[in-house]
Structures are given as C-alpha cells and as structure tokens.
C-alpha cells in the first residue's frame, strides 16, 4: 500500500511539473526575434530610389512579387498576425 501511495505521488509530481499557464506558453513559443513590420518602420527606413537589396535588408522577403502595367516590379508585404492562447 505504501508503494502505491509513493508511486501516485511521484506520478502526480511528474505530471504537474510539466504544466504552465497559457501566458507562459505563449511567451515560450512566440517568435520576437524579427523586427515587426509597422508603418513607422517603413516610413523611417525605406526611401525613394533605395535598391532592392536595401529594402530586403530592412523588410525581408515580400509575400507577393508582381509586375504593374508599366512593367515595374511590385513587392507586396502582407503581414497578418494572430495570437491564440488556450489554457
């Protein structure tokens, strides 16, 4: 009987030690290493006549690359972020 109680306690501690709150889980898996793409960043960093390599260095790769009516290359940065946290 004593062994069953000890086993149950060890099992309970093992299971509970792996638990964390939803906010702790979000912080653990959230990727904040990259720079956030905001209007302020674009207005501050991107200038008229800037090279494509310069834009890539600031904003990263575009989501969509297309050509307009005048055969100019158009880069679209369509960033959508959604956070879901479950507990």
N, C-alpha and C. Protein backbone atom coordinates (compact mmCIF):
# COMPACT_ATOMS: atom_id res chain seq x y z
N UNK A 1 0.82 -1.19 0.00
CA UNK A 1 0.00 0.00 0.00
C UNK A 1 0.87 1.26 0.00
N UNK A 2 1.96 1.22 0.76
CA UNK A 2 2.84 2.36 0.85
C UNK A 2 3.51 2.64 -0.51
N UNK A 3 3.84 1.58 -1.25
CA UNK A 3 4.46 1.75 -2.56
C UNK A 3 3.50 2.39 -3.56
N UNK A 4 2.23 2.04 -3.48
CA UNK A 4 1.23 2.63 -4.37
C UNK A 4 1.09 4.12 -4.09
N UNK A 5 1.10 4.50 -2.82
CA UNK A 5 1.00 5.91 -2.44
C UNK A 5 2.21 6.69 -2.95
N UNK A 6 3.40 6.13 -2.77
CA UNK A 6 4.61 6.79 -3.23
C UNK A 6 4.59 6.91 -4.76
N UNK A 7 4.18 5.85 -5.44
CA UNK A 7 4.09 5.88 -6.90
C UNK A 7 3.10 6.94 -7.36
N UNK A 8 1.95 7.03 -6.71
CA UNK A 8 0.94 8.03 -7.07
C UNK A 8 1.47 9.44 -6.86
N UNK A 9 2.21 9.66 -5.79
CA UNK A 9 2.77 10.99 -5.51
C UNK A 9 3.82 11.36 -6.56
N UNK A 10 4.69 10.42 -6.89
CA UNK A 10 5.72 10.68 -7.90
C UNK A 10 5.08 10.94 -9.26
N UNK A 11 4.08 10.17 -9.61
CA UNK A 11 3.37 10.36 -10.87
C UNK A 11 2.68 11.72 -10.91
N UNK A 12 2.05 12.12 -9.82
CA UNK A 12 1.39 13.43 -9.76
C UNK A 12 2.39 14.56 -9.91
N UNK A 13 3.52 14.46 -9.24
CA UNK A 13 4.55 15.50 -9.34
C UNK A 13 5.11 15.57 -10.76
N UNK A 14 5.28 14.44 -11.38
CA UNK A 14 5.80 14.41 -12.75
C UNK A 14 4.82 15.08 -13.71
N UNK A 15 3.56 14.78 -13.57
CA UNK A 15 2.54 15.36 -14.45
C UNK A 15 2.42 16.86 -14.22
N UNK A 16 2.38 17.28 -12.97
CA UNK A 16 2.20 18.70 -12.66
C UNK A 16 3.43 19.54 -12.97
N UNK A 17 4.60 18.95 -12.97
CA UNK A 17 5.80 19.73 -13.26
C UNK A 17 5.86 20.18 -14.71
N UNK A 18 5.11 19.53 -15.59
CA UNK A 18 5.09 19.91 -16.99
C UNK A 18 4.03 20.94 -17.32
N UNK A 19 3.25 21.36 -16.36
CA UNK A 19 2.17 22.33 -16.60
C UNK A 19 2.70 23.76 -16.56
N UNK A 20 2.13 24.60 -17.40
CA UNK A 20 2.44 26.03 -17.38
C UNK A 20 1.18 26.78 -17.79
N UNK A 21 1.13 28.04 -17.42
CA UNK A 21 -0.04 28.85 -17.76
C UNK A 21 -0.02 29.17 -19.26
N UNK A 22 -1.15 29.64 -19.75
CA UNK A 22 -1.25 29.98 -21.17
C UNK A 22 -0.30 31.12 -21.53
N UNK A 23 -0.16 32.10 -20.67
CA UNK A 23 0.74 33.21 -20.98
C UNK A 23 2.20 32.76 -20.98
N UNK A 24 2.56 31.84 -20.09
CA UNK A 24 3.92 31.30 -20.09
C UNK A 24 4.18 30.52 -21.38
N UNK A 25 3.19 29.77 -21.83
CA UNK A 25 3.33 29.00 -23.07
C UNK A 25 3.49 29.94 -24.27
N UNK A 26 2.67 31.00 -24.33
CA UNK A 26 2.76 31.97 -25.42
C UNK A 26 4.14 32.61 -25.46
N UNK A 27 4.65 33.01 -24.29
CA UNK A 27 5.97 33.62 -24.23
C UNK A 27 7.06 32.65 -24.67
N UNK A 28 6.87 31.37 -24.37
CA UNK A 28 7.88 30.36 -24.72
C UNK A 28 7.92 30.10 -26.22
N UNK A 29 6.78 30.15 -26.89
CA UNK A 29 6.74 29.80 -28.31
C UNK A 29 6.69 31.00 -29.23
N UNK A 30 6.47 32.19 -28.70
CA UNK A 30 6.36 33.38 -29.53
C UNK A 30 7.72 33.77 -30.10
N UNK A 31 7.73 34.08 -31.39
CA UNK A 31 8.97 34.46 -32.06
C UNK A 31 9.07 35.97 -32.14
N UNK A 32 9.84 36.56 -31.24
CA UNK A 32 10.04 38.01 -31.25
C UNK A 32 11.43 38.37 -31.73
N UNK A 33 12.09 37.45 -32.41
CA UNK A 33 13.46 37.72 -32.84
C UNK A 33 13.50 38.69 -34.01
N UNK A 34 12.48 38.68 -34.85
CA UNK A 34 12.48 39.55 -36.02
C UNK A 34 11.89 40.92 -35.71
N UNK A 35 12.19 41.86 -36.58
CA UNK A 35 11.66 43.21 -36.42
C UNK A 35 10.21 43.22 -36.88
N UNK A 36 9.36 43.89 -36.15
CA UNK A 36 7.96 43.97 -36.53
C UNK A 36 7.79 44.94 -37.69
N UNK A 37 6.97 44.57 -38.65
CA UNK A 37 6.71 45.39 -39.82
C UNK A 37 5.57 46.35 -39.48
N UNK A 38 5.90 47.62 -39.31
CA UNK A 38 4.90 48.63 -39.00
C UNK A 38 5.04 49.79 -39.97
N UNK A 39 4.02 50.64 -40.00
CA UNK A 39 4.07 51.82 -40.86
C UNK A 39 5.24 52.71 -40.47
N UNK A 40 5.49 52.83 -39.17
CA UNK A 40 6.60 53.64 -38.70
C UNK A 40 7.95 53.15 -39.20
N UNK A 41 8.14 51.84 -39.19
CA UNK A 41 9.40 51.26 -39.68
C UNK A 41 9.55 51.55 -41.17
N UNK A 42 8.48 51.38 -41.92
CA UNK A 42 8.54 51.63 -43.37
C UNK A 42 8.85 53.09 -43.64
N UNK A 43 8.16 54.01 -42.96
CA UNK A 43 8.39 55.44 -43.20
C UNK A 43 9.78 55.87 -42.78
N UNK A 44 10.31 55.27 -41.75
CA UNK A 44 11.63 55.65 -41.25
C UNK A 44 12.77 55.07 -42.08
N UNK A 45 12.63 53.83 -42.51
CA UNK A 45 13.74 53.10 -43.12
C UNK A 45 13.75 53.10 -44.64
N UNK A 46 12.58 53.13 -45.28
CA UNK A 46 12.50 53.00 -46.74
C UNK A 46 12.48 54.38 -47.38
N UNK A 47 13.36 54.60 -48.34
CA UNK A 47 13.47 55.88 -49.04
C UNK A 47 13.29 55.68 -50.54
N UNK A 48 12.81 56.70 -51.23
CA UNK A 48 12.64 56.66 -52.69
C UNK A 48 14.01 56.46 -53.34
N UNK A 49 14.08 55.55 -54.30
CA UNK A 49 15.32 55.28 -55.01
C UNK A 49 16.21 54.25 -54.32
N UNK A 50 15.74 53.69 -53.23
CA UNK A 50 16.51 52.69 -52.50
C UNK A 50 16.62 51.41 -53.34
N UNK A 51 17.74 50.72 -53.24
CA UNK A 51 17.93 49.49 -54.01
C UNK A 51 17.06 48.37 -53.46
N UNK A 52 16.82 47.38 -54.30
CA UNK A 52 16.05 46.21 -53.85
C UNK A 52 16.73 45.49 -52.70
N UNK A 53 18.05 45.43 -52.73
CA UNK A 53 18.79 44.77 -51.65
C UNK A 53 18.62 45.53 -50.34
N UNK A 54 18.56 46.86 -50.43
CA UNK A 54 18.34 47.66 -49.22
C UNK A 54 16.98 47.41 -48.62
N UNK A 55 15.96 47.33 -49.47
CA UNK A 55 14.60 47.06 -49.00
C UNK A 55 14.54 45.67 -48.38
N UNK A 56 15.16 44.69 -49.03
CA UNK A 56 15.20 43.33 -48.48
C UNK A 56 15.87 43.31 -47.12
N UNK A 57 16.93 44.09 -46.97
CA UNK A 57 17.63 44.13 -45.70
C UNK A 57 16.78 44.69 -44.57
N UNK A 58 15.92 45.65 -44.90
CA UNK A 58 15.08 46.28 -43.87
C UNK A 58 13.81 45.49 -43.61
N UNK A 59 13.10 45.11 -44.67
CA UNK A 59 11.78 44.49 -44.52
C UNK A 59 11.77 42.98 -44.69
N UNK A 60 12.81 42.41 -45.27
CA UNK A 60 12.80 40.98 -45.53
C UNK A 60 12.14 40.68 -46.86
N UNK A 61 11.88 39.42 -47.10
CA UNK A 61 11.29 39.00 -48.37
C UNK A 61 9.81 39.38 -48.44
N UNK A 62 9.34 39.82 -49.62
CA UNK A 62 7.92 40.15 -49.77
C UNK A 62 7.08 38.89 -49.88
N UNK A 63 5.79 39.04 -49.56
CA UNK A 63 4.87 37.91 -49.71
C UNK A 63 4.51 37.68 -51.17
N UNK A 64 4.35 38.77 -51.92
CA UNK A 64 3.93 38.68 -53.31
C UNK A 64 4.83 39.59 -54.15
N UNK A 65 5.30 39.08 -55.28
CA UNK A 65 6.06 39.87 -56.24
C UNK A 65 5.30 39.81 -57.57
N UNK A 66 4.94 40.99 -58.10
CA UNK A 66 4.20 41.03 -59.36
C UNK A 66 4.73 42.19 -60.21
N UNK A 67 4.12 42.38 -61.38
CA UNK A 67 4.51 43.45 -62.30
C UNK A 67 3.28 44.30 -62.60
N UNK A 68 3.45 45.63 -62.58
CA UNK A 68 2.33 46.52 -62.87
C UNK A 68 2.20 46.77 -64.38
N UNK A 69 1.30 47.69 -64.77
CA UNK A 69 1.03 47.98 -66.18
C UNK A 69 2.24 48.54 -66.91
N UNK A 70 3.13 49.20 -66.19
CA UNK A 70 4.32 49.79 -66.80
C UNK A 70 5.52 48.86 -66.70
N UNK A 71 5.27 47.61 -66.39
CA UNK A 71 6.28 46.56 -66.29
C UNK A 71 7.31 46.82 -65.19
N UNK A 72 6.85 47.49 -64.11
CA UNK A 72 7.70 47.69 -62.94
C UNK A 72 7.39 46.59 -61.94
N UNK A 73 8.40 46.15 -61.25
CA UNK A 73 8.23 45.11 -60.24
C UNK A 73 7.56 45.70 -59.00
N UNK A 74 6.56 45.01 -58.49
CA UNK A 74 5.82 45.47 -57.30
C UNK A 74 5.97 44.41 -56.22
N UNK A 75 6.41 44.83 -55.05
CA UNK A 75 6.54 43.93 -53.91
C UNK A 75 5.43 44.22 -52.92
N UNK A 76 4.74 43.19 -52.48
CA UNK A 76 3.64 43.34 -51.52
C UNK A 76 4.05 42.65 -50.22
N UNK A 77 3.98 43.41 -49.14
CA UNK A 77 4.24 42.88 -47.80
C UNK A 77 2.90 42.82 -47.09
N UNK A 78 2.34 41.65 -47.02
CA UNK A 78 1.03 41.46 -46.42
C UNK A 78 1.23 40.66 -45.13
N UNK A 79 1.35 41.36 -44.03
CA UNK A 79 1.64 40.70 -42.75
C UNK A 79 0.38 40.66 -41.91
N UNK A 80 -0.02 39.49 -41.52
CA UNK A 80 -1.17 39.30 -40.65
C UNK A 80 -0.71 38.46 -39.48
N UNK A 81 -0.99 38.94 -38.29
CA UNK A 81 -0.58 38.21 -37.09
C UNK A 81 -1.80 37.96 -36.21
N UNK A 82 -1.89 36.77 -35.70
CA UNK A 82 -2.97 36.41 -34.79
C UNK A 82 -2.39 35.61 -33.64
N UNK A 83 -2.74 35.99 -32.43
CA UNK A 83 -2.29 35.25 -31.25
C UNK A 83 -3.48 34.54 -30.64
N UNK A 84 -3.35 33.25 -30.44
CA UNK A 84 -4.34 32.47 -29.72
C UNK A 84 -3.65 31.84 -28.53
N UNK A 85 -4.26 31.97 -27.37
CA UNK A 85 -3.71 31.37 -26.17
C UNK A 85 -4.82 30.57 -25.50
N UNK A 86 -4.55 29.32 -25.27
CA UNK A 86 -5.51 28.45 -24.61
C UNK A 86 -4.91 27.95 -23.31
N UNK A 87 -5.75 27.83 -22.32
CA UNK A 87 -5.26 27.28 -21.05
C UNK A 87 -6.14 26.14 -20.60
